[in-house]
Amino acid sequence: MEDVDGAIDRARACLRAAIEAAGGRAAEGADWSQAMALPGSPADDPAPHIPNIVHATVLRWRAEPEDRASAKEAFDRVAATWEPMDVMVPRFRAVWEDIPYMHIPEDQDHIWWQSELR
């Protein structure tokens, strides 16, 4: 995804500033060298992480298709009709990511903060 109006960068800057104001330092992308957990966190808690990617998965197979060539051909036909579109992001969330690939349950154990749509 392309951050055409800089909203993602501005949101990350706000989060970075809030983390630093609270005495921590977020890991940025793959660089964890300067990361620090928030003061008062248990000793084994990781530092916050600000990823350097934005992604969305719109299609996924649960297993490799038996006829991979046919599946690729069908996907290529559909993908050829793709046209770029604007996407509205209704809110930001701060989550505990303890499940791979962002398969985070919609519950209070995983979502500990979210913005409201203005």
Protein backbone atom coordinates (compact mmCIF):
# COMPACT_ATOMS: atom_id res chain seq x y z
CA MET A 1 0.00 0.00 0.00
CA GLU A 2 1.15 3.50 -0.74
CA ASP A 3 0.84 6.16 1.95
CA VAL A 4 -0.15 8.85 -0.56
CA ASP A 5 -1.08 11.54 1.97
CA GLY A 6 1.48 10.68 4.65
CA ALA A 7 -1.17 9.67 7.21
CA ILE A 8 0.64 6.46 8.16
CA ASP A 9 3.92 8.32 8.69
CA ARG A 10 2.14 10.93 10.82
CA ALA A 11 0.42 8.25 12.91
CA ARG A 12 3.73 6.47 13.45
CA ALA A 13 5.36 9.75 14.47
CA CYS A 14 2.61 10.29 17.07
CA LEU A 15 3.05 6.77 18.43
CA ARG A 16 6.85 7.14 18.49
CA ALA A 17 6.57 10.43 20.42
CA ALA A 18 4.10 8.94 22.93
CA ILE A 19 6.33 5.91 23.53
CA GLU A 20 9.39 8.14 24.03
CA ALA A 21 7.45 10.51 26.33
CA ALA A 22 6.57 7.46 28.46
CA GLY A 23 10.27 6.52 28.69
CA GLY A 24 10.46 3.76 26.10
CA ARG A 25 11.86 3.45 22.61
CA ALA A 26 10.15 1.50 19.86
CA ALA A 27 11.90 -0.87 17.53
CA GLU A 28 11.64 0.48 13.99
CA GLY A 29 11.13 -2.01 11.18
CA ALA A 30 13.66 -4.80 11.62
CA ASP A 31 15.99 -2.67 13.80
CA TRP A 32 15.66 -3.64 17.46
CA SER A 33 19.13 -2.34 18.43
CA GLN A 34 17.88 0.81 20.22
CA ALA A 35 14.51 -0.54 21.43
CA MET A 36 13.57 -0.20 25.11
CA ALA A 37 10.50 -1.50 26.88
CA LEU A 38 8.33 1.01 28.68
CA PRO A 39 9.40 1.75 32.28
CA GLY A 40 7.56 -0.45 34.74
CA SER A 41 7.18 -3.28 32.24
CA PRO A 42 8.11 -6.78 33.44
CA ALA A 43 11.76 -7.57 32.69
CA ASP A 44 10.92 -10.04 29.92
CA ASP A 45 8.43 -7.75 28.11
CA PRO A 46 9.53 -6.75 24.62
CA ALA A 47 9.78 -3.14 23.54
CA PRO A 48 6.99 -1.68 21.40
CA HIS A 49 7.47 -2.22 17.67
CA ILE A 50 6.62 0.21 14.87
CA PRO A 51 6.68 -1.84 11.66
CA ASN A 52 7.85 -0.25 8.43
CA ILE A 53 5.23 -1.96 6.30
CA VAL A 54 1.51 -1.69 5.70
CA HIS A 55 -0.13 -4.72 4.20
CA ALA A 56 -3.43 -6.41 3.62
CA THR A 57 -4.04 -9.98 2.59
CA VAL A 58 -6.94 -10.30 0.18
CA LEU A 59 -6.49 -13.91 -0.91
CA ARG A 60 -4.88 -16.90 0.73
CA TRP A 61 -4.98 -20.66 0.25
CA ARG A 62 -5.04 -22.86 3.34
CA ALA A 63 -2.90 -25.43 1.50
CA GLU A 64 -1.00 -25.54 -1.74
CA PRO A 65 -3.41 -26.14 -4.66
CA GLU A 66 -3.08 -29.58 -6.23
CA ASP A 67 -2.85 -28.03 -9.69
CA ARG A 68 -0.63 -25.07 -8.99
CA ALA A 69 -0.39 -24.02 -12.66
CA SER A 70 -4.19 -23.84 -13.00
CA ALA A 71 -4.50 -21.89 -9.76
CA LYS A 72 -1.85 -19.42 -10.94
CA GLU A 73 -3.56 -19.06 -14.30
CA ALA A 74 -6.91 -18.33 -12.64
CA PHE A 75 -5.30 -15.86 -10.25
CA ASP A 76 -3.48 -14.12 -13.12
CA ARG A 77 -6.81 -13.69 -14.98
CA VAL A 78 -8.44 -12.09 -11.95
CA ALA A 79 -5.36 -10.00 -11.05
CA ALA A 80 -5.26 -8.58 -14.58
CA THR A 81 -8.56 -6.81 -13.85
CA TRP A 82 -7.16 -5.04 -10.77
CA GLU A 83 -7.51 -1.29 -10.60
CA PRO A 84 -6.06 0.82 -7.77
CA MET A 85 -8.53 2.12 -5.21
CA ASP A 86 -8.61 4.38 -2.18
CA VAL A 87 -9.01 2.66 1.17
CA MET A 88 -10.46 4.33 4.26
CA VAL A 89 -8.83 3.23 7.51
CA PRO A 90 -11.53 3.48 10.19
CA ARG A 91 -9.22 3.23 13.23
CA PHE A 92 -5.79 2.40 14.55
CA ARG A 93 -5.26 -0.37 17.07
CA ALA A 94 -2.54 -1.29 19.49
CA VAL A 95 -2.49 -5.05 19.85
CA TRP A 96 -0.62 -7.94 21.45
CA GLU A 97 0.61 -9.98 18.49
CA ASP A 98 1.00 -13.50 19.87
CA ILE A 99 -0.39 -15.24 16.80
CA PRO A 100 1.50 -15.29 13.47
CA TYR A 101 0.36 -13.31 10.43
CA MET A 102 -1.79 -10.83 12.37
CA HIS A 103 -4.56 -13.37 13.01
CA ILE A 104 -5.41 -11.48 16.17
CA PRO A 105 -8.72 -12.26 17.87
CA GLU A 106 -11.18 -9.39 18.31
CA ASP A 107 -11.01 -9.50 22.10
CA GLN A 108 -9.77 -7.46 25.05
CA ASP A 109 -6.87 -9.84 25.62
CA HIS A 110 -5.30 -8.80 22.30
CA ILE A 111 -6.66 -5.34 21.46
CA TRP A 112 -5.67 -3.05 24.30
CA TRP A 113 -6.24 0.33 22.63
CA GLN A 114 -7.96 1.65 19.54
CA SER A 115 -8.71 5.06 18.14
CA GLU A 116 -12.21 6.24 17.42
CA LEU A 117 -13.32 7.43 14.02
CA ARG A 118 -13.65 11.21 13.97
